[in-house]
Each structure stands twice: as structure tokens, then as C-alpha cells.
Amino acid sequence: MDLRSRLEYFHKEHDEILRFLNDWESALKMAASDRDDERRKGLAELRRFENELLSIEEHCHAEERTVDSPFEIYLDDVSLARLAQEHELLRQLSTDFLRELRFATVMRTTEVVGLGNALLEQLRRHIAHEALLLRQIEEGRAAEEKLLLRYTDSAG
């Protein structure tokens, strides 16, 4: 897959994750409700979203292990290490959240909602950080292409 396609793919995945996070935030608010019926609905929704959370973990893993990842190609070691740390934090928060979700009941939602909100916040911050990095990669690649075009035009 060429770089442009890979960047578009990451942007598309980030947009899908952000849409999911809006739905997930609504479920967290229901799970935090004062009303039992709302908390029950919220917990059911959160449990229904478990596969999406696992998909987000896979997305993070793919960013790190994909040979043609724009991050792997264009970022320095410090930036890559920061991304890896963020991904590890997200995996840990997700694991903690899913573990707590197994034990959450209508009468006991405080912990799962707190962990869910922490994960939600971290995911949004992480996606914003990655969007910035992708934009920098795009701008750097565009500058490279412009220089290459200028050089090939002057050589011809």
C-alpha cells in the first residue's frame, strides 16, 4: 500500500474510532445514572462495545508492527517510543476497564464508569496526537515531492 493510501486508511480508522467513542461516552453516562434502568441499559451497551475496544487495541498493535506504517517510516525513535508508551497505556486501561466490566452490576458502576472515562479521555488525546503526527508526515512528504519535482524539472 502506498503512503497516501496508508495515511488515508489511518485517518479513516481514527474517524471511526471517534464516532464509536461518542456512542461509548453515552453508554458511560447511562451507566453513571441515578436510575437503575438507565444503569442497566448503560452496562448492557458497554458490554456490547467490548469487540470495538478489542479492535482499537488491534489498531494500536497494527500501527506498531506494520512494516509500511507511516509512523515507522517517518518518525524518529523518540516519537516512536512515545507512541509505544501511549499504546501500552491504552492497552492497560482497556484491560482494566474490561476486567471491571465483568464484575459491574446495576448497584456497582462507579469503578467501571471511572475507568471507562479515563480510557475515553486517553483515547481522544491519543487520536489527536496521532492526527498531528499524520499531518506532519503529510506535510513533510508534500515538501519532499515538491523538492523532487523542482529538481527533476531543473534537470530536464
N, C-alpha and C. Protein backbone atom coordinates (compact mmCIF):
# COMPACT_ATOMS: atom_id res chain seq x y z
N MET A 1 0.85 -1.17 0.00
CA MET A 1 0.00 0.00 0.00
C MET A 1 0.90 1.23 0.00
N ASP A 2 0.61 2.19 -0.87
CA ASP A 2 1.44 3.39 -0.93
C ASP A 2 1.16 4.30 0.27
N LEU A 3 2.04 5.25 0.47
CA LEU A 3 1.96 6.10 1.66
C LEU A 3 0.64 6.86 1.72
N ARG A 4 0.22 7.43 0.61
CA ARG A 4 -1.02 8.20 0.60
C ARG A 4 -2.21 7.34 1.03
N SER A 5 -2.27 6.12 0.50
CA SER A 5 -3.35 5.20 0.87
C SER A 5 -3.27 4.82 2.34
N ARG A 6 -2.06 4.59 2.83
CA ARG A 6 -1.87 4.23 4.22
C ARG A 6 -2.31 5.37 5.14
N LEU A 7 -1.96 6.60 4.79
CA LEU A 7 -2.38 7.76 5.59
C LEU A 7 -3.90 7.91 5.58
N GLU A 8 -4.51 7.75 4.42
CA GLU A 8 -5.97 7.81 4.32
C GLU A 8 -6.62 6.73 5.18
N TYR A 9 -6.03 5.55 5.18
CA TYR A 9 -6.54 4.43 5.98
C TYR A 9 -6.51 4.79 7.47
N PHE A 10 -5.39 5.34 7.94
CA PHE A 10 -5.29 5.72 9.35
C PHE A 10 -6.31 6.82 9.69
N HIS A 11 -6.45 7.81 8.82
CA HIS A 11 -7.44 8.87 9.07
C HIS A 11 -8.85 8.28 9.15
N LYS A 12 -9.17 7.37 8.26
CA LYS A 12 -10.49 6.75 8.26
C LYS A 12 -10.71 5.97 9.55
N GLU A 13 -9.72 5.19 9.96
CA GLU A 13 -9.84 4.44 11.21
C GLU A 13 -10.01 5.37 12.41
N HIS A 14 -9.27 6.46 12.43
CA HIS A 14 -9.40 7.42 13.53
C HIS A 14 -10.80 8.03 13.56
N ASP A 15 -11.34 8.37 12.40
CA ASP A 15 -12.70 8.92 12.34
C ASP A 15 -13.72 7.90 12.87
N GLU A 16 -13.55 6.63 12.51
CA GLU A 16 -14.45 5.59 13.00
C GLU A 16 -14.33 5.43 14.51
N ILE A 17 -13.12 5.48 15.02
CA ILE A 17 -12.91 5.36 16.47
C ILE A 17 -13.57 6.54 17.19
N LEU A 18 -13.42 7.74 16.66
CA LEU A 18 -14.03 8.91 17.31
C LEU A 18 -15.55 8.80 17.32
N ARG A 19 -16.14 8.30 16.24
CA ARG A 19 -17.61 8.10 16.22
C ARG A 19 -18.00 7.08 17.29
N PHE A 20 -17.25 5.99 17.37
CA PHE A 20 -17.51 4.98 18.39
C PHE A 20 -17.41 5.58 19.80
N LEU A 21 -16.39 6.42 20.02
CA LEU A 21 -16.21 7.00 21.35
C LEU A 21 -17.39 7.85 21.78
N ASN A 22 -18.04 8.51 20.84
CA ASN A 22 -19.24 9.28 21.17
C ASN A 22 -20.35 8.36 21.68
N ASP A 23 -20.54 7.22 21.01
CA ASP A 23 -21.55 6.25 21.46
C ASP A 23 -21.16 5.66 22.81
N TRP A 24 -19.88 5.38 22.96
CA TRP A 24 -19.40 4.80 24.20
C TRP A 24 -19.57 5.78 25.36
N GLU A 25 -19.31 7.06 25.10
CA GLU A 25 -19.49 8.08 26.13
C GLU A 25 -20.95 8.14 26.58
N SER A 26 -21.87 8.00 25.65
CA SER A 26 -23.29 7.97 26.02
C SER A 26 -23.60 6.78 26.91
N ALA A 27 -23.03 5.62 26.59
CA ALA A 27 -23.24 4.43 27.42
C ALA A 27 -22.66 4.63 28.82
N LEU A 28 -21.49 5.27 28.90
CA LEU A 28 -20.89 5.56 30.20
C LEU A 28 -21.79 6.48 31.03
N LYS A 29 -22.38 7.47 30.37
CA LYS A 29 -23.28 8.38 31.09
C LYS A 29 -24.51 7.64 31.60
N MET A 30 -25.03 6.72 30.79
CA MET A 30 -26.18 5.93 31.26
C MET A 30 -25.77 5.06 32.44
N ALA A 31 -24.58 4.46 32.38
CA ALA A 31 -24.12 3.59 33.46
C ALA A 31 -23.88 4.37 34.75
N ALA A 32 -23.69 5.67 34.64
CA ALA A 32 -23.46 6.52 35.81
C ALA A 32 -24.76 7.14 36.33
N SER A 33 -25.87 6.85 35.70
CA SER A 33 -27.15 7.45 36.06
C SER A 33 -27.56 7.10 37.49
N ASP A 34 -28.45 7.92 38.03
CA ASP A 34 -29.03 7.65 39.34
C ASP A 34 -30.15 6.61 39.25
N ARG A 35 -30.61 6.34 38.05
CA ARG A 35 -31.75 5.43 37.85
C ARG A 35 -31.26 4.03 37.48
N ASP A 36 -31.81 3.02 38.16
CA ASP A 36 -31.41 1.63 37.92
C ASP A 36 -31.60 1.22 36.46
N ASP A 37 -32.72 1.59 35.86
CA ASP A 37 -32.99 1.17 34.48
C ASP A 37 -31.98 1.77 33.51
N GLU A 38 -31.56 3.00 33.76
CA GLU A 38 -30.55 3.64 32.92
C GLU A 38 -29.19 2.97 33.11
N ARG A 39 -28.84 2.67 34.35
CA ARG A 39 -27.57 2.00 34.61
C ARG A 39 -27.55 0.62 33.94
N ARG A 40 -28.67 -0.09 34.00
CA ARG A 40 -28.77 -1.41 33.37
C ARG A 40 -28.54 -1.28 31.86
N LYS A 41 -29.19 -0.31 31.23
CA LYS A 41 -29.01 -0.09 29.79
C LYS A 41 -27.57 0.29 29.48
N GLY A 42 -27.00 1.15 30.31
CA GLY A 42 -25.62 1.58 30.10
C GLY A 42 -24.65 0.43 30.18
N LEU A 43 -24.82 -0.42 31.19
CA LEU A 43 -23.93 -1.59 31.31
C LEU A 43 -24.09 -2.54 30.12
N ALA A 44 -25.31 -2.73 29.69
CA ALA A 44 -25.55 -3.60 28.53
C ALA A 44 -24.86 -3.03 27.29
N GLU A 45 -24.95 -1.72 27.11
CA GLU A 45 -24.28 -1.08 25.96
C GLU A 45 -22.77 -1.22 26.07
N LEU A 46 -22.23 -0.97 27.25
CA LEU A 46 -20.78 -1.09 27.43
C LEU A 46 -20.31 -2.51 27.12
N ARG A 47 -21.07 -3.49 27.55
CA ARG A 47 -20.69 -4.88 27.26
C ARG A 47 -20.80 -5.18 25.77
N ARG A 48 -21.76 -4.57 25.13
CA ARG A 48 -21.93 -4.76 23.68
C ARG A 48 -20.74 -4.18 22.91
N PHE A 49 -20.09 -3.17 23.47
CA PHE A 49 -18.96 -2.50 22.81
C PHE A 49 -17.61 -3.18 23.04
N GLU A 50 -17.59 -4.31 23.72
CA GLU A 50 -16.32 -4.95 24.03
C GLU A 50 -15.50 -5.25 22.77
N ASN A 51 -16.13 -5.73 21.72
CA ASN A 51 -15.39 -6.03 20.48
C ASN A 51 -14.77 -4.79 19.86
N GLU A 52 -15.45 -3.65 19.96
CA GLU A 52 -14.88 -2.41 19.44
C GLU A 52 -13.62 -2.03 20.20
N LEU A 53 -13.63 -2.22 21.50
CA LEU A 53 -12.43 -1.94 22.29
C LEU A 53 -11.28 -2.85 21.89
N LEU A 54 -11.59 -4.10 21.67
CA LEU A 54 -10.55 -5.03 21.23
C LEU A 54 -10.03 -4.65 19.84
N SER A 55 -10.89 -4.12 18.99
CA SER A 55 -10.47 -3.65 17.67
C SER A 55 -9.54 -2.45 17.78
N ILE A 56 -9.80 -1.58 18.74
CA ILE A 56 -8.93 -0.42 18.96
C ILE A 56 -7.55 -0.90 19.42
N GLU A 57 -7.53 -1.89 20.28
CA GLU A 57 -6.25 -2.46 20.70
C GLU A 57 -5.50 -3.01 19.48
N GLU A 58 -6.21 -3.68 18.60
CA GLU A 58 -5.58 -4.23 17.39
C GLU A 58 -5.08 -3.11 16.49
N HIS A 59 -5.83 -2.02 16.40
CA HIS A 59 -5.41 -0.86 15.61
C HIS A 59 -4.06 -0.34 16.14
N CYS A 60 -3.95 -0.21 17.45
CA CYS A 60 -2.70 0.26 18.06
C CYS A 60 -1.56 -0.72 17.75
N HIS A 61 -1.85 -1.99 17.87
CA HIS A 61 -0.84 -3.01 17.61
C HIS A 61 -0.39 -2.94 16.15
N ALA A 62 -1.33 -2.74 15.24
CA ALA A 62 -1.01 -2.67 13.81
C ALA A 62 -0.13 -1.46 13.50
N GLU A 63 -0.36 -0.36 14.19
CA GLU A 63 0.46 0.84 13.96
C GLU A 63 1.93 0.57 14.31
N GLU A 64 2.14 -0.30 15.27
CA GLU A 64 3.50 -0.58 15.72
C GLU A 64 4.18 -1.67 14.90
N ARG A 65 3.45 -2.65 14.44
CA ARG A 65 4.09 -3.80 13.81
C ARG A 65 4.04 -3.79 12.29
N THR A 66 3.28 -2.91 11.70
CA THR A 66 3.17 -2.88 10.25
C THR A 66 4.45 -2.31 9.65
N VAL A 67 5.03 -3.05 8.74
CA VAL A 67 6.31 -2.66 8.14
C VAL A 67 6.21 -1.32 7.42
N ASP A 68 5.11 -1.10 6.72
CA ASP A 68 4.98 0.15 5.95
C ASP A 68 4.17 1.21 6.70
N SER A 69 4.15 1.12 8.02
CA SER A 69 3.45 2.13 8.81
C SER A 69 4.12 3.48 8.61
N PRO A 70 3.33 4.53 8.31
CA PRO A 70 3.92 5.86 8.16
C PRO A 70 4.67 6.29 9.41
N PHE A 71 4.20 5.86 10.56
CA PHE A 71 4.89 6.22 11.80
C PHE A 71 6.28 5.59 11.82
N GLU A 72 6.34 4.33 11.48
CA GLU A 72 7.60 3.60 11.50
C GLU A 72 8.59 4.18 10.48
N ILE A 73 8.07 4.63 9.35
CA ILE A 73 8.92 5.14 8.28
C ILE A 73 9.42 6.55 8.57
N TYR A 74 8.55 7.42 9.08
CA TYR A 74 8.86 8.85 9.14
C TYR A 74 9.19 9.41 10.52
N LEU A 75 8.86 8.69 11.58
CA LEU A 75 9.10 9.26 12.91
C LEU A 75 10.46 8.85 13.45
N ASP A 76 11.01 9.73 14.29
CA ASP A 76 12.27 9.41 14.94
C ASP A 76 12.02 8.45 16.12
N ASP A 77 13.09 7.96 16.68
CA ASP A 77 12.99 6.97 17.75
C ASP A 77 12.25 7.50 18.98
N VAL A 78 12.45 8.77 19.30
CA VAL A 78 11.78 9.36 20.47
C VAL A 78 10.26 9.39 20.25
N SER A 79 9.83 9.82 19.08
CA SER A 79 8.40 9.87 18.78
C SER A 79 7.79 8.47 18.75
N LEU A 80 8.53 7.52 18.18
CA LEU A 80 8.05 6.14 18.15
C LEU A 80 7.92 5.57 19.57
N ALA A 81 8.88 5.88 20.41
CA ALA A 81 8.83 5.41 21.79
C ALA A 81 7.64 6.00 22.53
N ARG A 82 7.35 7.28 22.27
CA ARG A 82 6.18 7.90 22.91
C ARG A 82 4.90 7.23 22.45
N LEU A 83 4.78 6.95 21.16
CA LEU A 83 3.59 6.25 20.66
C LEU A 83 3.46 4.88 21.30
N ALA A 84 4.56 4.17 21.40
CA ALA A 84 4.53 2.84 22.02
C ALA A 84 4.08 2.93 23.48
N GLN A 85 4.55 3.96 24.20
CA GLN A 85 4.12 4.16 25.59
C GLN A 85 2.62 4.45 25.66
N GLU A 86 2.14 5.29 24.75
CA GLU A 86 0.71 5.61 24.72
C GLU A 86 -0.11 4.35 24.43
N HIS A 87 0.36 3.55 23.47
CA HIS A 87 -0.35 2.32 23.13
C HIS A 87 -0.38 1.37 24.32
N GLU A 88 0.73 1.28 25.04
CA GLU A 88 0.77 0.41 26.21
C GLU A 88 -0.19 0.90 27.29
N LEU A 89 -0.23 2.21 27.51
CA LEU A 89 -1.18 2.78 28.47
C LEU A 89 -2.61 2.47 28.05
N LEU A 90 -2.92 2.62 26.77
CA LEU A 90 -4.27 2.32 26.28
C LEU A 90 -4.61 0.84 26.48
N ARG A 91 -3.66 -0.04 26.20
CA ARG A 91 -3.91 -1.48 26.41
C ARG A 91 -4.18 -1.77 27.88
N GLN A 92 -3.40 -1.15 28.76
CA GLN A 92 -3.59 -1.39 30.20
C GLN A 92 -4.93 -0.85 30.68
N LEU A 93 -5.27 0.37 30.26
CA LEU A 93 -6.57 0.93 30.64
C LEU A 93 -7.72 0.08 30.11
N SER A 94 -7.58 -0.39 28.89
CA SER A 94 -8.62 -1.22 28.29
C SER A 94 -8.77 -2.54 29.05
N THR A 95 -7.64 -3.15 29.39
CA THR A 95 -7.67 -4.40 30.15
C THR A 95 -8.32 -4.18 31.51
N ASP A 96 -7.95 -3.11 32.19
CA ASP A 96 -8.54 -2.81 33.50
C ASP A 96 -10.04 -2.56 33.39
N PHE A 97 -10.42 -1.79 32.35
CA PHE A 97 -11.84 -1.50 32.15
C PHE A 97 -12.63 -2.78 31.88
N LEU A 98 -12.15 -3.61 30.97
CA LEU A 98 -12.87 -4.84 30.63
C LEU A 98 -12.96 -5.79 31.81
N ARG A 99 -11.90 -5.86 32.62
CA ARG A 99 -11.93 -6.69 33.82
C ARG A 99 -13.01 -6.19 34.78
N GLU A 100 -13.03 -4.88 35.00
CA GLU A 100 -14.01 -4.32 35.92
C GLU A 100 -15.43 -4.46 35.37
N LEU A 101 -15.57 -4.38 34.07
CA LEU A 101 -16.90 -4.50 33.44
C LEU A 101 -17.50 -5.88 33.72
N ARG A 102 -16.67 -6.91 33.80
CA ARG A 102 -17.17 -8.26 34.08
C ARG A 102 -17.86 -8.34 35.44
N PHE A 103 -17.40 -7.52 36.38
CA PHE A 103 -17.93 -7.58 37.74
C PHE A 103 -18.93 -6.47 38.05
N ALA A 104 -19.11 -5.54 37.13
CA ALA A 104 -20.02 -4.43 37.38
C ALA A 104 -21.46 -4.92 37.43
N THR A 105 -22.21 -4.33 38.34
CA THR A 105 -23.65 -4.62 38.46
C THR A 105 -24.39 -3.29 38.48
N VAL A 106 -25.69 -3.36 38.39
CA VAL A 106 -26.50 -2.14 38.43
C VAL A 106 -26.23 -1.36 39.71
N MET A 107 -25.93 -2.06 40.78
CA MET A 107 -25.68 -1.40 42.07
C MET A 107 -24.20 -1.01 42.23
N ARG A 108 -23.36 -1.40 41.28
CA ARG A 108 -21.91 -1.16 41.41
C ARG A 108 -21.33 -0.76 40.05
N THR A 109 -21.44 0.53 39.72
CA THR A 109 -20.96 1.02 38.42
C THR A 109 -19.88 2.10 38.54
N THR A 110 -19.65 2.59 39.73
CA THR A 110 -18.74 3.72 39.91
C THR A 110 -17.34 3.43 39.35
N GLU A 111 -16.79 2.27 39.68
CA GLU A 111 -15.43 1.93 39.24
C GLU A 111 -15.35 1.77 37.73
N VAL A 112 -16.30 1.06 37.15
CA VAL A 112 -16.26 0.83 35.70
C VAL A 112 -16.46 2.14 34.93
N VAL A 113 -17.30 3.01 35.45
CA VAL A 113 -17.51 4.31 34.79
C VAL A 113 -16.25 5.16 34.91
N GLY A 114 -15.61 5.15 36.05
CA GLY A 114 -14.36 5.91 36.22
C GLY A 114 -13.27 5.42 35.28
N LEU A 115 -13.10 4.10 35.21
CA LEU A 115 -12.10 3.54 34.29
C LEU A 115 -12.47 3.82 32.84
N GLY A 116 -13.75 3.71 32.53
CA GLY A 116 -14.22 3.98 31.17
C GLY A 116 -13.97 5.41 30.76
N ASN A 117 -14.21 6.34 31.67
CA ASN A 117 -13.96 7.76 31.36
C ASN A 117 -12.47 8.04 31.20
N ALA A 118 -11.64 7.40 32.03
CA ALA A 118 -10.19 7.57 31.89
C ALA A 118 -9.71 7.05 30.54
N LEU A 119 -10.22 5.90 30.13
CA LEU A 119 -9.85 5.32 28.83
C LEU A 119 -10.37 6.19 27.69
N LEU A 120 -11.58 6.67 27.81
CA LEU A 120 -12.17 7.55 26.80
C LEU A 120 -11.31 8.80 26.60
N GLU A 121 -10.93 9.42 27.68
CA GLU A 121 -10.10 10.63 27.63
C GLU A 121 -8.74 10.34 26.99
N GLN A 122 -8.12 9.24 27.41
CA GLN A 122 -6.81 8.89 26.87
C GLN A 122 -6.90 8.55 25.38
N LEU A 123 -7.95 7.87 24.97
CA LEU A 123 -8.12 7.55 23.54
C LEU A 123 -8.28 8.82 22.72
N ARG A 124 -9.06 9.75 23.20
CA ARG A 124 -9.24 11.01 22.46
C ARG A 124 -7.93 11.78 22.36
N ARG A 125 -7.19 11.84 23.46
CA ARG A 125 -5.88 12.51 23.44
C ARG A 125 -4.92 11.83 22.47
N HIS A 126 -4.92 10.51 22.50
CA HIS A 126 -4.02 9.75 21.65
C HIS A 126 -4.36 9.95 20.17
N ILE A 127 -5.62 9.92 19.83
CA ILE A 127 -6.00 10.12 18.43
C ILE A 127 -5.65 11.52 17.98
N ALA A 128 -5.83 12.51 18.84
CA ALA A 128 -5.44 13.89 18.49
C ALA A 128 -3.92 13.96 18.26
N HIS A 129 -3.16 13.28 19.09
CA HIS A 129 -1.70 13.25 18.93
C HIS A 129 -1.32 12.58 17.61
N GLU A 130 -1.94 11.45 17.32
CA GLU A 130 -1.64 10.76 16.07
C GLU A 130 -2.07 11.58 14.85
N ALA A 131 -3.19 12.29 14.96
CA ALA A 131 -3.63 13.14 13.85
C ALA A 131 -2.59 14.22 13.57
N LEU A 132 -2.03 14.78 14.61
CA LEU A 132 -0.98 15.78 14.46
C LEU A 132 0.25 15.16 13.78
N LEU A 133 0.64 13.97 14.21
CA LEU A 133 1.79 13.30 13.60
C LEU A 133 1.53 12.98 12.13
N LEU A 134 0.33 12.51 11.83
CA LEU A 134 -0.01 12.20 10.43
C LEU A 134 0.04 13.46 9.57
N ARG A 135 -0.45 14.56 10.12
CA ARG A 135 -0.41 15.83 9.38
C ARG A 135 1.05 16.24 9.12
N GLN A 136 1.90 16.08 10.12
CA GLN A 136 3.31 16.40 9.94
C GLN A 136 3.95 15.51 8.87
N ILE A 137 3.60 14.24 8.86
CA ILE A 137 4.11 13.32 7.85
C ILE A 137 3.64 13.75 6.47
N GLU A 138 2.36 14.08 6.37
CA GLU A 138 1.81 14.52 5.08
C GLU A 138 2.49 15.78 4.58
N GLU A 139 2.68 16.73 5.48
CA GLU A 139 3.34 17.98 5.09
C GLU A 139 4.79 17.74 4.70
N GLY A 140 5.48 16.88 5.43
CA GLY A 140 6.86 16.55 5.10
C GLY A 140 6.96 15.82 3.78
N ARG A 141 6.05 14.92 3.53
CA ARG A 141 6.04 14.16 2.27
C ARG A 141 5.72 15.11 1.11
N ALA A 142 4.78 16.04 1.31
CA ALA A 142 4.45 17.00 0.26
C ALA A 142 5.66 17.88 -0.06
N ALA A 143 6.40 18.28 0.95
CA ALA A 143 7.60 19.09 0.74
C ALA A 143 8.66 18.28 -0.02
N GLU A 144 8.80 17.00 0.34
CA GLU A 144 9.74 16.14 -0.39
C GLU A 144 9.36 16.03 -1.86
N GLU A 145 8.07 15.83 -2.12
CA GLU A 145 7.60 15.70 -3.50
C GLU A 145 7.83 17.00 -4.28
N LYS A 146 7.60 18.13 -3.63
CA LYS A 146 7.80 19.42 -4.27
C LYS A 146 9.28 19.62 -4.63
N LEU A 147 10.17 19.27 -3.69
CA LEU A 147 11.61 19.38 -3.96
C LEU A 147 12.03 18.43 -5.08
N LEU A 148 11.51 17.22 -5.06
CA LEU A 148 11.84 16.27 -6.09
C LEU A 148 11.36 16.75 -7.45
N LEU A 149 10.16 17.29 -7.50
CA LEU A 149 9.62 17.83 -8.74
C LEU A 149 10.47 19.00 -9.23
N ARG A 150 10.84 19.88 -8.34
CA ARG A 150 11.67 21.03 -8.69
C ARG A 150 13.02 20.54 -9.25
N TYR A 151 13.59 19.53 -8.58
CA TYR A 151 14.88 19.01 -9.00
C TYR A 151 14.78 18.32 -10.38
N THR A 152 13.75 17.52 -10.58
CA THR A 152 13.61 16.82 -11.86
C THR A 152 13.27 17.78 -12.98
N ASP A 153 12.52 18.86 -12.68
CA ASP A 153 12.21 19.86 -13.71
C ASP A 153 13.47 20.62 -14.12
N SER A 154 14.33 20.93 -13.15
CA SER A 154 15.54 21.69 -13.48
C SER A 154 16.59 20.81 -14.16
N ALA A 155 16.51 19.50 -13.92
CA ALA A 155 17.47 18.59 -14.53
C ALA A 155 17.12 18.29 -15.99
N GLY A 156 15.83 18.46 -16.32
CA GLY A 156 15.37 18.11 -17.65
C GLY A 156 15.48 19.22 -18.61
